[in-house]
PDB file of N, CA and C in Angstrom:
ATOM      1  N   UNK A   1     -80.296  97.628   9.282  1.00  0.00           N
ATOM      2  CA  UNK A   1     -81.640  97.993   8.908  1.00  0.00           C
ATOM      3  C   UNK A   1     -82.561  97.503  10.021  1.00  0.00           C
ATOM      4  N   UNK A   2     -83.231  98.421  10.690  1.00  0.00           N
ATOM      5  CA  UNK A   2     -84.038  98.046  11.838  1.00  0.00           C
ATOM      6  C   UNK A   2     -85.502  97.809  11.482  1.00  0.00           C
ATOM      7  N   UNK A   3     -85.980  98.423  10.445  1.00  0.00           N
ATOM      8  CA  UNK A   3     -87.383  98.248  10.055  1.00  0.00           C
ATOM      9  C   UNK A   3     -87.538  97.014   9.177  1.00  0.00           C
ATOM     10  N   UNK A   4     -88.725  96.431   9.258  1.00  0.00           N
ATOM     11  CA  UNK A   4     -89.024  95.288   8.401  1.00  0.00           C
ATOM     12  C   UNK A   4     -89.213  95.780   6.969  1.00  0.00           C
ATOM     13  N   UNK A   5     -88.630  95.064   6.015  1.00  0.00           N
ATOM     14  CA  UNK A   5     -88.792  95.439   4.607  1.00  0.00           C
ATOM     15  C   UNK A   5     -90.189  95.050   4.148  1.00  0.00           C
ATOM     16  N   UNK A   6     -90.943  96.020   3.684  1.00  0.00           N
ATOM     17  CA  UNK A   6     -92.326  95.772   3.285  1.00  0.00           C
ATOM     18  C   UNK A   6     -92.531  95.770   1.778  1.00  0.00           C
ATOM     19  N   UNK A   7     -91.619  96.350   1.053  1.00  0.00           N
ATOM     20  CA  UNK A   7     -91.816  96.523  -0.388  1.00  0.00           C
ATOM     21  C   UNK A   7     -90.952  95.523  -1.156  1.00  0.00           C
ATOM     22  N   UNK A   8     -91.533  94.996  -2.192  1.00  0.00           N
ATOM     23  CA  UNK A   8     -90.840  94.020  -3.024  1.00  0.00           C
ATOM     24  C   UNK A   8     -90.747  94.572  -4.447  1.00  0.00           C
ATOM     25  N   UNK A   9     -89.566  94.442  -5.031  1.00  0.00           N
ATOM     26  CA  UNK A   9     -89.349  94.864  -6.419  1.00  0.00           C
ATOM     27  C   UNK A   9     -88.949  93.625  -7.213  1.00  0.00           C
ATOM     28  N   UNK A  10     -89.584  93.422  -8.343  1.00  0.00           N
ATOM     29  CA  UNK A  10     -89.303  92.278  -9.198  1.00  0.00           C
ATOM     30  C   UNK A  10     -88.836  92.786 -10.553  1.00  0.00           C
ATOM     31  N   UNK A  11     -87.859  92.127 -11.121  1.00  0.00           N
ATOM     32  CA  UNK A  11     -87.434  92.470 -12.481  1.00  0.00           C
ATOM     33  C   UNK A  11     -86.995  91.204 -13.192  1.00  0.00           C
ATOM     34  N   UNK A  12     -86.954  91.265 -14.503  1.00  0.00           N
ATOM     35  CA  UNK A  12     -86.614  90.108 -15.325  1.00  0.00           C
ATOM     36  C   UNK A  12     -85.284  90.335 -16.027  1.00  0.00           C
ATOM     37  N   UNK A  13     -84.579  89.226 -16.254  1.00  0.00           N
ATOM     38  CA  UNK A  13     -83.311  89.250 -16.978  1.00  0.00           C
ATOM     39  C   UNK A  13     -83.309  88.145 -18.017  1.00  0.00           C
ATOM     40  N   UNK A  14     -82.674  88.409 -19.144  1.00  0.00           N
ATOM     41  CA  UNK A  14     -82.482  87.321 -20.100  1.00  0.00           C
ATOM     42  C   UNK A  14     -81.368  86.418 -19.563  1.00  0.00           C
ATOM     43  N   UNK A  15     -81.145  85.285 -20.213  1.00  0.00           N
ATOM     44  CA  UNK A  15     -80.172  84.300 -19.718  1.00  0.00           C
ATOM     45  C   UNK A  15     -78.766  84.891 -19.568  1.00  0.00           C
ATOM     46  N   UNK A  16     -78.355  85.651 -20.563  1.00  0.00           N
ATOM     47  CA  UNK A  16     -77.013  86.239 -20.536  1.00  0.00           C
ATOM     48  C   UNK A  16     -76.832  87.148 -19.315  1.00  0.00           C
ATOM     49  N   UNK A  17     -77.770  88.089 -19.126  1.00  0.00           N
ATOM     50  CA  UNK A  17     -77.658  89.033 -18.017  1.00  0.00           C
ATOM     51  C   UNK A  17     -77.862  88.349 -16.666  1.00  0.00           C
ATOM     52  N   UNK A  18     -78.674  87.304 -16.639  1.00  0.00           N
ATOM     53  CA  UNK A  18     -78.860  86.551 -15.402  1.00  0.00           C
ATOM     54  C   UNK A  18     -77.546  85.889 -14.983  1.00  0.00           C
ATOM     55  N   UNK A  19     -76.841  85.298 -15.948  1.00  0.00           N
ATOM     56  CA  UNK A  19     -75.558  84.663 -15.644  1.00  0.00           C
ATOM     57  C   UNK A  19     -74.542  85.699 -15.137  1.00  0.00           C
ATOM     58  N   UNK A  20     -74.506  86.874 -15.762  1.00  0.00           N
ATOM     59  CA  UNK A  20     -73.611  87.939 -15.297  1.00  0.00           C
ATOM     60  C   UNK A  20     -73.970  88.380 -13.883  1.00  0.00           C
ATOM     61  N   UNK A  21     -75.262  88.549 -13.648  1.00  0.00           N
ATOM     62  CA  UNK A  21     -75.740  88.952 -12.324  1.00  0.00           C
ATOM     63  C   UNK A  21     -75.327  87.925 -11.273  1.00  0.00           C
ATOM     64  N   UNK A  22     -75.572  86.644 -11.554  1.00  0.00           N
ATOM     65  CA  UNK A  22     -75.260  85.597 -10.592  1.00  0.00           C
ATOM     66  C   UNK A  22     -73.751  85.506 -10.326  1.00  0.00           C
ATOM     67  N   UNK A  23     -72.945  85.731 -11.350  1.00  0.00           N
ATOM     68  CA  UNK A  23     -71.492  85.700 -11.162  1.00  0.00           C
ATOM     69  C   UNK A  23     -71.069  86.825 -10.213  1.00  0.00           C
ATOM     70  N   UNK A  24     -71.607  88.014 -10.424  1.00  0.00           N
ATOM     71  CA  UNK A  24     -71.283  89.137  -9.553  1.00  0.00           C
ATOM     72  C   UNK A  24     -71.781  88.886  -8.132  1.00  0.00           C
ATOM     73  N   UNK A  25     -72.968  88.330  -8.032  1.00  0.00           N
ATOM     74  CA  UNK A  25     -73.514  88.025  -6.708  1.00  0.00           C
ATOM     75  C   UNK A  25     -72.630  87.008  -5.982  1.00  0.00           C
ATOM     76  N   UNK A  26     -72.270  85.919  -6.639  1.00  0.00           N
ATOM     77  CA  UNK A  26     -71.430  84.885  -6.018  1.00  0.00           C
ATOM     78  C   UNK A  26     -70.071  85.445  -5.598  1.00  0.00           C
ATOM     79  N   UNK A  27     -69.524  86.335  -6.406  1.00  0.00           N
ATOM     80  CA  UNK A  27     -68.212  86.906  -6.115  1.00  0.00           C
ATOM     81  C   UNK A  27     -68.265  88.013  -5.065  1.00  0.00           C
ATOM     82  N   UNK A  28     -69.462  88.479  -4.734  1.00  0.00           N
ATOM     83  CA  UNK A  28     -69.594  89.606  -3.817  1.00  0.00           C
ATOM     84  C   UNK A  28     -69.347  89.239  -2.360  1.00  0.00           C
ATOM     85  N   UNK A  29     -69.582  87.993  -2.003  1.00  0.00           N
ATOM     86  CA  UNK A  29     -69.451  87.597  -0.606  1.00  0.00           C
ATOM     87  C   UNK A  29     -70.668  87.937   0.234  1.00  0.00           C
ATOM     88  N   UNK A  30     -71.696  88.487  -0.386  1.00  0.00           N
ATOM     89  CA  UNK A  30     -72.918  88.831   0.344  1.00  0.00           C
ATOM     90  C   UNK A  30     -73.638  87.552   0.761  1.00  0.00           C
ATOM     91  N   UNK A  31     -74.281  87.604   1.933  1.00  0.00           N
ATOM     92  CA  UNK A  31     -74.969  86.425   2.452  1.00  0.00           C
ATOM     93  C   UNK A  31     -76.337  86.217   1.816  1.00  0.00           C
ATOM     94  N   UNK A  32     -76.909  87.280   1.273  1.00  0.00           N
ATOM     95  CA  UNK A  32     -78.210  87.126   0.621  1.00  0.00           C
ATOM     96  C   UNK A  32     -78.247  87.961  -0.647  1.00  0.00           C
ATOM     97  N   UNK A  33     -79.081  87.538  -1.567  1.00  0.00           N
ATOM     98  CA  UNK A  33     -79.229  88.274  -2.810  1.00  0.00           C
ATOM     99  C   UNK A  33     -79.830  89.655  -2.538  1.00  0.00           C
ATOM    100  N   UNK A  34     -80.761  89.724  -1.591  1.00  0.00           N
ATOM    101  CA  UNK A  34     -81.367  91.016  -1.240  1.00  0.00           C
ATOM    102  C   UNK A  34     -80.308  91.994  -0.748  1.00  0.00           C
ATOM    103  N   UNK A  35     -79.405  91.509   0.099  1.00  0.00           N
ATOM    104  CA  UNK A  35     -78.335  92.372   0.605  1.00  0.00           C
ATOM    105  C   UNK A  35     -77.434  92.830  -0.540  1.00  0.00           C
ATOM    106  N   UNK A  36     -77.110  91.919  -1.437  1.00  0.00           N
ATOM    107  CA  UNK A  36     -76.278  92.257  -2.598  1.00  0.00           C
ATOM    108  C   UNK A  36     -76.940  93.355  -3.436  1.00  0.00           C
ATOM    109  N   UNK A  37     -78.213  93.201  -3.721  1.00  0.00           N
ATOM    110  CA  UNK A  37     -78.920  94.186  -4.539  1.00  0.00           C
ATOM    111  C   UNK A  37     -78.959  95.534  -3.829  1.00  0.00           C
ATOM    112  N   UNK A  38     -79.243  95.530  -2.518  1.00  0.00           N
ATOM    113  CA  UNK A  38     -79.254  96.791  -1.772  1.00  0.00           C
ATOM    114  C   UNK A  38     -77.884  97.474  -1.812  1.00  0.00           C
ATOM    115  N   UNK A  39     -76.823  96.690  -1.616  1.00  0.00           N
ATOM    116  CA  UNK A  39     -75.482  97.273  -1.668  1.00  0.00           C
ATOM    117  C   UNK A  39     -75.190  97.886  -3.035  1.00  0.00           C
ATOM    118  N   UNK A  40     -75.563  97.175  -4.086  1.00  0.00           N
ATOM    119  CA  UNK A  40     -75.310  97.686  -5.436  1.00  0.00           C
ATOM    120  C   UNK A  40     -76.112  98.956  -5.718  1.00  0.00           C
ATOM    121  N   UNK A  41     -77.337  98.999  -5.237  1.00  0.00           N
ATOM    122  CA  UNK A  41     -78.179 100.173  -5.493  1.00  0.00           C
ATOM    123  C   UNK A  41     -77.696 101.381  -4.700  1.00  0.00           C
ATOM    124  N   UNK A  42     -77.422 101.188  -3.419  1.00  0.00           N
ATOM    125  CA  UNK A  42     -77.167 102.325  -2.554  1.00  0.00           C
ATOM    126  C   UNK A  42     -75.690 102.655  -2.359  1.00  0.00           C
ATOM    127  N   UNK A  43     -74.795 101.722  -2.647  1.00  0.00           N
ATOM    128  CA  UNK A  43     -73.374 102.005  -2.479  1.00  0.00           C
ATOM    129  C   UNK A  43     -72.570 101.789  -3.750  1.00  0.00           C
ATOM    130  N   UNK A  44     -73.163 101.160  -4.742  1.00  0.00           N
ATOM    131  CA  UNK A  44     -72.441 100.880  -5.981  1.00  0.00           C
ATOM    132  C   UNK A  44     -72.288 102.127  -6.829  1.00  0.00           C
ATOM    133  N   UNK A  45     -71.413 102.042  -7.804  1.00  0.00           N
ATOM    134  CA  UNK A  45     -71.195 103.134  -8.745  1.00  0.00           C
ATOM    135  C   UNK A  45     -71.427 102.616 -10.156  1.00  0.00           C
ATOM    136  N   UNK A  46     -71.995 103.449 -10.977  1.00  0.00           N
ATOM    137  CA  UNK A  46     -72.161 103.127 -12.380  1.00  0.00           C
ATOM    138  C   UNK A  46     -71.243 104.050 -13.162  1.00  0.00           C
ATOM    139  N   UNK A  47     -70.284 103.453 -13.845  1.00  0.00           N
ATOM    140  CA  UNK A  47     -69.338 104.227 -14.633  1.00  0.00           C
ATOM    141  C   UNK A  47     -69.529 103.901 -16.100  1.00  0.00           C
ATOM    142  N   UNK A  48     -69.571 104.931 -16.906  1.00  0.00           N
ATOM    143  CA  UNK A  48     -69.587 104.722 -18.347  1.00  0.00           C
ATOM    144  C   UNK A  48     -68.373 105.441 -18.924  1.00  0.00           C
ATOM    145  N   UNK A  49     -67.729 104.813 -19.872  1.00  0.00           N
ATOM    146  CA  UNK A  49     -66.530 105.376 -20.461  1.00  0.00           C
ATOM    147  C   UNK A  49     -66.718 105.527 -21.955  1.00  0.00           C
ATOM    148  N   UNK A  50     -66.231 106.610 -22.441  1.00  0.00           N
ATOM    149  CA  UNK A  50     -66.255 106.886 -23.868  1.00  0.00           C
ATOM    150  C   UNK A  50     -65.159 106.060 -24.532  1.00  0.00           C
ATOM    151  N   UNK A  51     -65.562 105.132 -25.375  1.00  0.00           N
ATOM    152  CA  UNK A  51     -64.574 104.247 -26.022  1.00  0.00           C
ATOM    153  C   UNK A  51     -63.571 105.023 -26.862  1.00  0.00           C
ATOM    154  N   UNK A  52     -64.016 106.100 -27.484  1.00  0.00           N
ATOM    155  CA  UNK A  52     -63.105 106.880 -28.329  1.00  0.00           C
ATOM    156  C   UNK A  52     -61.967 107.463 -27.495  1.00  0.00           C
ATOM    157  N   UNK A  53     -62.266 107.905 -26.281  1.00  0.00           N
ATOM    158  CA  UNK A  53     -61.229 108.457 -25.413  1.00  0.00           C
ATOM    159  C   UNK A  53     -60.248 107.380 -24.996  1.00  0.00           C
ATOM    160  N   UNK A  54     -60.767 106.187 -24.644  1.00  0.00           N
ATOM    161  CA  UNK A  54     -59.877 105.084 -24.278  1.00  0.00           C
ATOM    162  C   UNK A  54     -59.019 104.656 -25.464  1.00  0.00           C
ATOM    163  N   UNK A  55     -59.602 104.646 -26.655  1.00  0.00           N
ATOM    164  CA  UNK A  55     -58.830 104.299 -27.852  1.00  0.00           C
ATOM    165  C   UNK A  55     -57.708 105.309 -28.077  1.00  0.00           C
ATOM    166  N   UNK A  56     -58.013 106.593 -27.850  1.00  0.00           N
ATOM    167  CA  UNK A  56     -56.994 107.635 -28.021  1.00  0.00           C
ATOM    168  C   UNK A  56     -55.849 107.409 -27.042  1.00  0.00           C
ATOM    169  N   UNK A  57     -56.166 107.141 -25.785  1.00  0.00           N
ATOM    170  CA  UNK A  57     -55.134 106.885 -24.782  1.00  0.00           C
ATOM    171  C   UNK A  57     -54.305 105.670 -25.180  1.00  0.00           C
ATOM    172  N   UNK A  58     -54.988 104.614 -25.604  1.00  0.00           N
ATOM    173  CA  UNK A  58     -54.285 103.389 -26.015  1.00  0.00           C
ATOM    174  C   UNK A  58     -53.320 103.672 -27.161  1.00  0.00           C
ATOM    175  N   UNK A  59     -53.794 104.395 -28.188  1.00  0.00           N
ATOM    176  CA  UNK A  59     -52.948 104.670 -29.350  1.00  0.00           C
ATOM    177  C   UNK A  59     -51.784 105.596 -29.003  1.00  0.00           C
ATOM    178  N   UNK A  60     -52.040 106.586 -28.124  1.00  0.00           N
ATOM    179  CA  UNK A  60     -50.941 107.457 -27.691  1.00  0.00           C
ATOM    180  C   UNK A  60     -49.876 106.658 -26.942  1.00  0.00           C
ATOM    181  N   UNK A  61     -50.318 105.775 -26.077  1.00  0.00           N
ATOM    182  CA  UNK A  61     -49.382 104.960 -25.316  1.00  0.00           C
ATOM    183  C   UNK A  61     -48.605 104.019 -26.236  1.00  0.00           C
ATOM    184  N   UNK A  62     -49.308 103.398 -27.174  1.00  0.00           N
ATOM    185  CA  UNK A  62     -48.649 102.483 -28.112  1.00  0.00           C
ATOM    186  C   UNK A  62     -47.623 103.226 -28.968  1.00  0.00           C
ATOM    187  N   UNK A  63     -47.988 104.426 -29.410  1.00  0.00           N
ATOM    188  CA  UNK A  63     -47.075 105.217 -30.242  1.00  0.00           C
ATOM    189  C   UNK A  63     -45.834 105.617 -29.446  1.00  0.00           C
ATOM    190  N   UNK A  64     -46.055 106.081 -28.199  1.00  0.00           N
ATOM    191  CA  UNK A  64     -44.921 106.475 -27.363  1.00  0.00           C
ATOM    192  C   UNK A  64     -44.022 105.282 -27.072  1.00  0.00           C
ATOM    193  N   UNK A  65     -44.630 104.140 -26.781  1.00  0.00           N
ATOM    194  CA  UNK A  65     -43.848 102.930 -26.501  1.00  0.00           C
ATOM    195  C   UNK A  65     -43.037 102.509 -27.716  1.00  0.00           C
ATOM    196  N   UNK A  66     -43.650 102.561 -28.890  1.00  0.00           N
ATOM    197  CA  UNK A  66     -42.963 102.205 -30.126  1.00  0.00           C
ATOM    198  C   UNK A  66     -41.780 103.147 -30.379  1.00  0.00           C
ATOM    199  N   UNK A  67     -42.014 104.454 -30.172  1.00  0.00           N
ATOM    200  CA  UNK A  67     -40.927 105.429 -30.367  1.00  0.00           C
ATOM    201  C   UNK A  67     -39.768 105.149 -29.411  1.00  0.00           C
ATOM    202  N   UNK A  68     -40.093 104.858 -28.157  1.00  0.00           N
ATOM    203  CA  UNK A  68     -39.041 104.577 -27.173  1.00  0.00           C
ATOM    204  C   UNK A  68     -38.248 103.335 -27.576  1.00  0.00           C
ATOM    205  N   UNK A  69     -38.938 102.304 -28.046  1.00  0.00           N
ATOM    206  CA  UNK A  69     -38.248 101.087 -28.479  1.00  0.00           C
ATOM    207  C   UNK A  69     -37.326 101.352 -29.674  1.00  0.00           C
ATOM    208  N   UNK A  70     -37.802 102.138 -30.628  1.00  0.00           N
ATOM    209  CA  UNK A  70     -36.980 102.463 -31.789  1.00  0.00           C
ATOM    210  C   UNK A  70     -35.759 103.291 -31.391  1.00  0.00           C
ATOM    211  N   UNK A  71     -35.978 104.236 -30.488  1.00  0.00           N
ATOM    212  CA  UNK A  71     -34.870 105.077 -30.025  1.00  0.00           C
ATOM    213  C   UNK A  71     -33.851 104.234 -29.259  1.00  0.00           C
ATOM    214  N   UNK A  72     -34.328 103.331 -28.405  1.00  0.00           N
ATOM    215  CA  UNK A  72     -33.426 102.466 -27.646  1.00  0.00           C
ATOM    216  C   UNK A  72     -32.594 101.604 -28.600  1.00  0.00           C
ATOM    217  N   UNK A  73     -33.215 101.099 -29.640  1.00  0.00           N
ATOM    218  CA  UNK A  73     -32.483 100.282 -30.610  1.00  0.00           C
ATOM    219  C   UNK A  73     -31.410 101.119 -31.308  1.00  0.00           C
ATOM    220  N   UNK A  74     -31.760 102.366 -31.664  1.00  0.00           N
ATOM    221  CA  UNK A  74     -30.799 103.250 -32.338  1.00  0.00           C
ATOM    222  C   UNK A  74     -29.643 103.605 -31.398  1.00  0.00           C
ATOM    223  N   UNK A  75     -29.952 103.884 -30.122  1.00  0.00           N
ATOM    224  CA  UNK A  75     -28.902 104.207 -29.153  1.00  0.00           C
ATOM    225  C   UNK A  75     -27.986 103.004 -28.956  1.00  0.00           C
ATOM    226  N   UNK A  76     -28.569 101.821 -28.855  1.00  0.00           N
ATOM    227  CA  UNK A  76     -27.751 100.611 -28.698  1.00  0.00           C
ATOM    228  C   UNK A  76     -26.860 100.374 -29.910  1.00  0.00           C
ATOM    229  N   UNK A  77     -27.369 100.693 -31.095  1.00  0.00           N
ATOM    230  CA  UNK A  77     -26.593 100.451 -32.322  1.00  0.00           C
ATOM    231  C   UNK A  77     -25.508 101.502 -32.527  1.00  0.00           C
ATOM    232  N   UNK A  78     -25.821 102.765 -32.218  1.00  0.00           N
ATOM    233  CA  UNK A  78     -24.881 103.849 -32.528  1.00  0.00           C
ATOM    234  C   UNK A  78     -24.136 104.384 -31.308  1.00  0.00           C
ATOM    235  N   UNK A  79     -24.715 104.189 -30.134  1.00  0.00           N
ATOM    236  CA  UNK A  79     -24.113 104.763 -28.928  1.00  0.00           C
ATOM    237  C   UNK A  79     -24.420 106.236 -28.769  1.00  0.00           C
ATOM    238  N   UNK A  80     -25.243 106.795 -29.652  1.00  0.00           N
ATOM    239  CA  UNK A  80     -25.566 108.225 -29.606  1.00  0.00           C
ATOM    240  C   UNK A  80     -27.023 108.454 -29.189  1.00  0.00           C
ATOM    241  N   UNK A  81     -27.243 109.545 -28.438  1.00  0.00           N
ATOM    242  CA  UNK A  81     -28.600 109.977 -28.076  1.00  0.00           C
ATOM    243  C   UNK A  81     -28.821 111.314 -28.773  1.00  0.00           C
ATOM    244  N   UNK A  82     -29.895 111.424 -29.537  1.00  0.00           N
ATOM    245  CA  UNK A  82     -30.172 112.624 -30.309  1.00  0.00           C
ATOM    246  C   UNK A  82     -31.261 113.460 -29.640  1.00  0.00           C
ATOM    247  N   UNK A  83     -31.139 114.793 -29.781  1.00  0.00           N
ATOM    248  CA  UNK A  83     -32.132 115.710 -29.205  1.00  0.00           C
ATOM    249  C   UNK A  83     -33.532 115.432 -29.745  1.00  0.00           C
ATOM    250  N   UNK A  84     -33.609 115.096 -31.048  1.00  0.00           N
ATOM    251  CA  UNK A  84     -34.926 114.806 -31.646  1.00  0.00           C
ATOM    252  C   UNK A  84     -35.564 113.596 -30.971  1.00  0.00           C
ATOM    253  N   UNK A  85     -34.744 112.614 -30.617  1.00  0.00           N
ATOM    254  CA  UNK A  85     -35.260 111.422 -29.948  1.00  0.00           C
ATOM    255  C   UNK A  85     -35.817 111.765 -28.572  1.00  0.00           C
ATOM    256  N   UNK A  86     -35.079 112.555 -27.831  1.00  0.00           N
ATOM    257  CA  UNK A  86     -35.549 112.961 -26.500  1.00  0.00           C
ATOM    258  C   UNK A  86     -36.827 113.777 -26.600  1.00  0.00           C
ATOM    259  N   UNK A  87     -36.905 114.636 -27.609  1.00  0.00           N
ATOM    260  CA  UNK A  87     -38.107 115.441 -27.827  1.00  0.00           C
ATOM    261  C   UNK A  87     -39.306 114.531 -28.142  1.00  0.00           C
ATOM    262  N   UNK A  88     -39.094 113.522 -28.974  1.00  0.00           N
ATOM    263  CA  UNK A  88     -40.178 112.587 -29.330  1.00  0.00           C
ATOM    264  C   UNK A  88     -40.670 111.832 -28.096  1.00  0.00           C
ATOM    265  N   UNK A  89     -39.751 111.431 -27.244  1.00  0.00           N
ATOM    266  CA  UNK A  89     -40.143 110.739 -26.013  1.00  0.00           C
ATOM    267  C   UNK A  89     -40.963 111.672 -25.124  1.00  0.00           C
ATOM    268  N   UNK A  90     -40.468 112.898 -24.923  1.00  0.00           N
ATOM    269  CA  UNK A  90     -41.190 113.867 -24.079  1.00  0.00           C
ATOM    270  C   UNK A  90     -42.600 114.125 -24.605  1.00  0.00           C
ATOM    271  N   UNK A  91     -42.727 114.318 -25.916  1.00  0.00           N
ATOM    272  CA  UNK A  91     -44.044 114.600 -26.506  1.00  0.00           C
ATOM    273  C   UNK A  91     -44.976 113.404 -26.355  1.00  0.00           C
ATOM    274  N   UNK A  92     -44.472 112.213 -26.573  1.00  0.00           N
ATOM    275  CA  UNK A  92     -45.305 111.018 -26.435  1.00  0.00           C
ATOM    276  C   UNK A  92     -45.782 110.810 -25.016  1.00  0.00           C
ATOM    277  N   UNK A  93     -44.865 110.977 -24.080  1.00  0.00           N
ATOM    278  CA  UNK A  93     -45.232 110.810 -22.672  1.00  0.00           C
ATOM    279  C   UNK A  93     -46.214 111.902 -22.247  1.00  0.00           C
ATOM    280  N   UNK A  94     -45.983 113.126 -22.665  1.00  0.00           N
ATOM    281  CA  UNK A  94     -46.874 114.237 -22.296  1.00  0.00           C
ATOM    282  C   UNK A  94     -48.284 114.028 -22.838  1.00  0.00           C
ATOM    283  N   UNK A  95     -48.399 113.603 -24.089  1.00  0.00           N
ATOM    284  CA  UNK A  95     -49.726 113.354 -24.662  1.00  0.00           C
ATOM    285  C   UNK A  95     -50.463 112.253 -23.928  1.00  0.00           C
ATOM    286  N   UNK A  96     -49.758 111.188 -23.629  1.00  0.00           N
ATOM    287  CA  UNK A  96     -50.365 110.079 -22.890  1.00  0.00           C
ATOM    288  C   UNK A  96     -50.748 110.526 -21.487  1.00  0.00           C
ATOM    289  N   UNK A  97     -49.862 111.257 -20.828  1.00  0.00           N
ATOM    290  CA  UNK A  97     -50.104 111.726 -19.469  1.00  0.00           C
ATOM    291  C   UNK A  97     -51.340 112.630 -19.403  1.00  0.00           C
ATOM    292  N   UNK A  98     -51.476 113.537 -20.361  1.00  0.00           N
ATOM    293  CA  UNK A  98     -52.644 114.428 -20.385  1.00  0.00           C
ATOM    294  C   UNK A  98     -53.934 113.632 -20.539  1.00  0.00           C
ATOM    295  N   UNK A  99     -53.944 112.673 -21.424  1.00  0.00           N
ATOM    296  CA  UNK A  99     -55.144 111.857 -21.630  1.00  0.00           C
ATOM    297  C   UNK A  99     -55.482 111.040 -20.390  1.00  0.00           C
ATOM    298  N   UNK A 100     -54.478 110.450 -19.765  1.00  0.00           N
ATOM    299  CA  UNK A 100     -54.726 109.675 -18.545  1.00  0.00           C
ATOM    300  C   UNK A 100     -55.213 110.574 -17.415  1.00  0.00           C
ATOM    301  N   UNK A 101     -54.658 111.770 -17.281  1.00  0.00           N
ATOM    302  CA  UNK A 101     -55.118 112.707 -16.260  1.00  0.00           C
ATOM    303  C   UNK A 101     -56.584 113.077 -16.478  1.00  0.00           C
ATOM    304  N   UNK A 102     -56.966 113.254 -17.731  1.00  0.00           N
ATOM    305  CA  UNK A 102     -58.360 113.557 -18.055  1.00  0.00           C
ATOM    306  C   UNK A 102     -59.273 112.420 -17.601  1.00  0.00           C
ATOM    307  N   UNK A 103     -58.882 111.185 -17.899  1.00  0.00           N
ATOM    308  CA  UNK A 103     -59.692 110.031 -17.512  1.00  0.00           C
ATOM    309  C   UNK A 103     -59.778 109.909 -15.990  1.00  0.00           C
ATOM    310  N   UNK A 104     -58.678 110.144 -15.299  1.00  0.00           N
ATOM    311  CA  UNK A 104     -58.686 110.080 -13.836  1.00  0.00           C
ATOM    312  C   UNK A 104     -59.573 111.174 -13.260  1.00  0.00           C
ATOM    313  N   UNK A 105     -59.548 112.359 -13.850  1.00  0.00           N
ATOM    314  CA  UNK A 105     -60.405 113.442 -13.344  1.00  0.00           C
ATOM    315  C   UNK A 105     -61.885 113.095 -13.505  1.00  0.00           C
ATOM    316  N   UNK A 106     -62.244 112.425 -14.589  1.00  0.00           N
ATOM    317  CA  UNK A 106     -63.630 111.978 -14.759  1.00  0.00           C
ATOM    318  C   UNK A 106     -64.002 110.952 -13.692  1.00  0.00           C
ATOM    319  N   UNK A 107     -63.108 110.031 -13.426  1.00  0.00           N
ATOM    320  CA  UNK A 107     -63.358 109.012 -12.403  1.00  0.00           C
ATOM    321  C   UNK A 107     -63.532 109.669 -11.033  1.00  0.00           C
ATOM    322  N   UNK A 108     -62.699 110.634 -10.709  1.00  0.00           N
ATOM    323  CA  UNK A 108     -62.782 111.288  -9.401  1.00  0.00           C
ATOM    324  C   UNK A 108     -64.095 112.039  -9.239  1.00  0.00           C
ATOM    325  N   UNK A 109     -64.615 112.629 -10.316  1.00  0.00           N
ATOM    326  CA  UNK A 109     -65.912 113.319 -10.244  1.00  0.00           C
ATOM    327  C   UNK A 109     -67.022 112.337  -9.894  1.00  0.00           C
ATOM    328  N   UNK A 110     -66.975 111.160 -10.490  1.00  0.00           N
ATOM    329  CA  UNK A 110     -67.999 110.140 -10.240  1.00  0.00           C
ATOM    330  C   UNK A 110     -67.863 109.596  -8.833  1.00  0.00           C
ATOM    331  N   UNK A 111     -66.628 109.448  -8.380  1.00  0.00           N
ATOM    332  CA  UNK A 111     -66.358 108.835  -7.078  1.00  0.00           C
ATOM    333  C   UNK A 111     -66.888 109.677  -5.911  1.00  0.00           C
ATOM    334  N   UNK A 112     -66.964 110.987  -6.072  1.00  0.00           N
ATOM    335  CA  UNK A 112     -67.411 111.861  -4.985  1.00  0.00           C
ATOM    336  C   UNK A 112     -68.779 111.566  -4.558  1.00  0.00           C
TER     337      UNK A 112
END
């Protein structure tokens, strides 16, 4: 930055948000608070995520993982692999994969 900074912006934070701000500032490695704020404003990203979508991904993953564990236990006990079991694994993985791909596509749109 070659020009002298002439404009000053002031804002207030409650104690909770001030502590969060200071933690991020300390962890940033920036030499000055002004530099940190400029970096966050002009190079930072603000991401918001729909909790319902994340919950859906979490539950799909948990369900698929549970099914795989149950199938593995059955295979270990019987020595047999059933077509229905393989189908359940494929469906669980596919559902989780689709949801994760959706979330990644949203992130990539923001990243551009």
